[in-house]
């Protein structure tokens, strides 16, 4: 699901809000596009998950703290946070699958080498 756009406002959004949204959009779009590509590597999935935790969530907290002064609806922030949480869960699920496949391929390789002895 795409990240919700900034809601309509009577006045233009501040540079801080626009910049935060652009960063959030970039993090979300990059992570979700990678998952949707179908060809994933565990280390990249981990990087995208870390970007959500280390970059997106702090921005969402900052937006929450300034929501009143920026006239930014809390409901919008909550919806964006929900989308990031869902993406993080999907990344985590795909990461676990990718790690399991990697371990299985390593074990298969070890078993083949042992048969050669």
C-alpha atoms as a PDB file:
ATOM      1  CA  UNK A   1       0.000   0.000   0.000  1.00  0.00           C
ATOM      2  CA  UNK A   2       1.361   3.450  -0.820  1.00  0.00           C
ATOM      3  CA  UNK A   3       2.282   5.905   1.896  1.00  0.00           C
ATOM      4  CA  UNK A   4      -0.514   8.448   2.479  1.00  0.00           C
ATOM      5  CA  UNK A   5       0.221  11.852   0.941  1.00  0.00           C
ATOM      6  CA  UNK A   6       0.374  14.931   3.110  1.00  0.00           C
ATOM      7  CA  UNK A   7      -3.183  16.016   3.821  1.00  0.00           C
ATOM      8  CA  UNK A   8      -4.657  19.106   2.240  1.00  0.00           C
ATOM      9  CA  UNK A   9      -3.874  22.307   4.091  1.00  0.00           C
ATOM     10  CA  UNK A  10      -5.231  25.854   3.781  1.00  0.00           C
ATOM     11  CA  UNK A  11      -1.679  27.156   4.013  1.00  0.00           C
ATOM     12  CA  UNK A  12       1.465  25.645   2.522  1.00  0.00           C
ATOM     13  CA  UNK A  13       3.243  23.116   4.712  1.00  0.00           C
ATOM     14  CA  UNK A  14       6.425  24.321   6.359  1.00  0.00           C
ATOM     15  CA  UNK A  15       9.779  23.324   4.920  1.00  0.00           C
ATOM     16  CA  UNK A  16      10.312  21.093   7.958  1.00  0.00           C
ATOM     17  CA  UNK A  17       7.086  19.161   7.338  1.00  0.00           C
ATOM     18  CA  UNK A  18       7.740  18.847   3.591  1.00  0.00           C
ATOM     19  CA  UNK A  19      11.313  17.694   4.182  1.00  0.00           C
ATOM     20  CA  UNK A  20      10.219  15.155   6.803  1.00  0.00           C
ATOM     21  CA  UNK A  21       7.539  13.828   4.453  1.00  0.00           C
ATOM     22  CA  UNK A  22      10.006  13.549   1.557  1.00  0.00           C
ATOM     23  CA  UNK A  23      12.391  11.558   3.755  1.00  0.00           C
ATOM     24  CA  UNK A  24       9.551   9.332   5.009  1.00  0.00           C
ATOM     25  CA  UNK A  25       8.363   8.785   1.444  1.00  0.00           C
ATOM     26  CA  UNK A  26      11.877   7.863   0.299  1.00  0.00           C
ATOM     27  CA  UNK A  27      12.365   5.349   3.127  1.00  0.00           C
ATOM     28  CA  UNK A  28       8.942   3.774   2.575  1.00  0.00           C
ATOM     29  CA  UNK A  29       9.098   3.680  -1.221  1.00  0.00           C
ATOM     30  CA  UNK A  30      12.615   2.232  -1.294  1.00  0.00           C
ATOM     31  CA  UNK A  31      11.816  -0.498   1.244  1.00  0.00           C
ATOM     32  CA  UNK A  32       8.474  -1.480  -0.228  1.00  0.00           C
ATOM     33  CA  UNK A  33       9.827  -1.474  -3.799  1.00  0.00           C
ATOM     34  CA  UNK A  34      12.638  -3.776  -2.752  1.00  0.00           C
ATOM     35  CA  UNK A  35      10.249  -6.218  -1.080  1.00  0.00           C
ATOM     36  CA  UNK A  36       7.942  -6.098  -4.108  1.00  0.00           C
ATOM     37  CA  UNK A  37      10.860  -6.893  -6.443  1.00  0.00           C
ATOM     38  CA  UNK A  38      10.720 -10.506  -5.270  1.00  0.00           C
ATOM     39  CA  UNK A  39      14.483 -10.974  -5.333  1.00  0.00           C
ATOM     40  CA  UNK A  40      15.631 -10.128  -1.818  1.00  0.00           C
ATOM     41  CA  UNK A  41      18.799 -10.525   0.211  1.00  0.00           C
ATOM     42  CA  UNK A  42      18.755 -10.734   3.992  1.00  0.00           C
ATOM     43  CA  UNK A  43      21.334  -7.989   4.561  1.00  0.00           C
ATOM     44  CA  UNK A  44      19.390  -5.505   2.414  1.00  0.00           C
ATOM     45  CA  UNK A  45      16.137  -6.341   4.183  1.00  0.00           C
ATOM     46  CA  UNK A  46      17.888  -5.671   7.480  1.00  0.00           C
ATOM     47  CA  UNK A  47      19.124  -2.292   6.170  1.00  0.00           C
ATOM     48  CA  UNK A  48      15.624  -1.246   5.158  1.00  0.00           C
ATOM     49  CA  UNK A  49      14.251  -2.330   8.536  1.00  0.00           C
ATOM     50  CA  UNK A  50      16.954  -0.348  10.311  1.00  0.00           C
ATOM     51  CA  UNK A  51      16.085   2.723   8.216  1.00  0.00           C
ATOM     52  CA  UNK A  52      12.509   2.502   9.480  1.00  0.00           C
ATOM     53  CA  UNK A  53      13.581   2.126  13.101  1.00  0.00           C
ATOM     54  CA  UNK A  54      16.455   4.633  13.068  1.00  0.00           C
ATOM     55  CA  UNK A  55      15.133   7.244  10.622  1.00  0.00           C
ATOM     56  CA  UNK A  56      11.384   6.977   9.982  1.00  0.00           C
ATOM     57  CA  UNK A  57      10.153   6.431  13.536  1.00  0.00           C
ATOM     58  CA  UNK A  58      12.137   9.390  14.959  1.00  0.00           C
ATOM     59  CA  UNK A  59      10.711  11.599  12.194  1.00  0.00           C
ATOM     60  CA  UNK A  60       7.209  10.430  13.060  1.00  0.00           C
ATOM     61  CA  UNK A  61       7.828  11.226  16.724  1.00  0.00           C
ATOM     62  CA  UNK A  62       9.075  14.678  15.750  1.00  0.00           C
ATOM     63  CA  UNK A  63       6.000  15.244  13.587  1.00  0.00           C
ATOM     64  CA  UNK A  64       3.806  14.141  16.489  1.00  0.00           C
ATOM     65  CA  UNK A  65       5.575  16.574  18.826  1.00  0.00           C
ATOM     66  CA  UNK A  66       5.047  19.462  16.384  1.00  0.00           C
ATOM     67  CA  UNK A  67       1.638  18.431  15.034  1.00  0.00           C
ATOM     68  CA  UNK A  68      -0.267  21.145  16.868  1.00  0.00           C
ATOM     69  CA  UNK A  69       2.032  23.992  15.873  1.00  0.00           C
ATOM     70  CA  UNK A  70       2.178  22.726  12.274  1.00  0.00           C
ATOM     71  CA  UNK A  71      -1.589  22.020  12.119  1.00  0.00           C
ATOM     72  CA  UNK A  72      -0.755  18.472  11.088  1.00  0.00           C
ATOM     73  CA  UNK A  73      -3.562  15.984  11.838  1.00  0.00           C
ATOM     74  CA  UNK A  74      -2.527  13.308  14.341  1.00  0.00           C
ATOM     75  CA  UNK A  75      -4.702  10.833  12.473  1.00  0.00           C
ATOM     76  CA  UNK A  76      -2.504  11.254   9.395  1.00  0.00           C
ATOM     77  CA  UNK A  77       0.649  10.672  11.461  1.00  0.00           C
ATOM     78  CA  UNK A  78      -0.926   7.553  12.982  1.00  0.00           C
ATOM     79  CA  UNK A  79      -1.839   6.239   9.512  1.00  0.00           C
ATOM     80  CA  UNK A  80       1.712   6.784   8.269  1.00  0.00           C
ATOM     81  CA  UNK A  81       3.118   5.092  11.391  1.00  0.00           C
ATOM     82  CA  UNK A  82       0.778   2.140  10.816  1.00  0.00           C
ATOM     83  CA  UNK A  83       2.023   1.789   7.227  1.00  0.00           C
ATOM     84  CA  UNK A  84       5.641   1.805   8.410  1.00  0.00           C
ATOM     85  CA  UNK A  85       4.874  -0.785  11.083  1.00  0.00           C
ATOM     86  CA  UNK A  86       3.229  -3.033   8.490  1.00  0.00           C
ATOM     87  CA  UNK A  87       6.220  -2.627   6.171  1.00  0.00           C
ATOM     88  CA  UNK A  88       8.616  -3.396   9.027  1.00  0.00           C
ATOM     89  CA  UNK A  89       6.675  -6.583   9.807  1.00  0.00           C
ATOM     90  CA  UNK A  90       6.813  -7.594   6.127  1.00  0.00           C
ATOM     91  CA  UNK A  91      10.557  -6.880   5.971  1.00  0.00           C
ATOM     92  CA  UNK A  92      11.084  -8.942   9.119  1.00  0.00           C
ATOM     93  CA  UNK A  93       9.068 -11.833   7.719  1.00  0.00           C
ATOM     94  CA  UNK A  94      10.957 -11.778   4.410  1.00  0.00           C
ATOM     95  CA  UNK A  95      14.265 -11.449   6.289  1.00  0.00           C
ATOM     96  CA  UNK A  96      13.509 -14.584   8.316  1.00  0.00           C
ATOM     97  CA  UNK A  97      12.652 -16.485   5.124  1.00  0.00           C
ATOM     98  CA  UNK A  98      15.785 -15.270   3.347  1.00  0.00           C
ATOM     99  CA  UNK A  99      17.971 -16.235   6.312  1.00  0.00           C
ATOM    100  CA  UNK A 100      16.371 -19.692   6.432  1.00  0.00           C
ATOM    101  CA  UNK A 101      16.966 -20.219   2.712  1.00  0.00           C
ATOM    102  CA  UNK A 102      20.580 -19.124   3.100  1.00  0.00           C
ATOM    103  CA  UNK A 103      21.196 -21.548   5.976  1.00  0.00           C
ATOM    104  CA  UNK A 104      19.547 -24.382   4.033  1.00  0.00           C
ATOM    105  CA  UNK A 105      21.759 -23.704   1.002  1.00  0.00           C
ATOM    106  CA  UNK A 106      24.861 -23.690   3.224  1.00  0.00           C
ATOM    107  CA  UNK A 107      23.850 -26.978   4.804  1.00  0.00           C
ATOM    108  CA  UNK A 108      23.202 -28.531   1.391  1.00  0.00           C
ATOM    109  CA  UNK A 109      26.663 -27.431   0.265  1.00  0.00           C
ATOM    110  CA  UNK A 110      28.269 -28.907   3.370  1.00  0.00           C
ATOM    111  CA  UNK A 111      26.408 -32.180   2.867  1.00  0.00           C
ATOM    112  CA  UNK A 112      27.625 -32.382  -0.743  1.00  0.00           C
ATOM    113  CA  UNK A 113      31.224 -31.810   0.333  1.00  0.00           C
ATOM    114  CA  UNK A 114      30.925 -34.481   3.046  1.00  0.00           C
ATOM    115  CA  UNK A 115      29.681 -37.014   0.487  1.00  0.00           C
ATOM    116  CA  UNK A 116      32.834 -36.438  -1.590  1.00  0.00           C
ATOM    117  CA  UNK A 117      35.007 -37.728   1.257  1.00  0.00           C
END
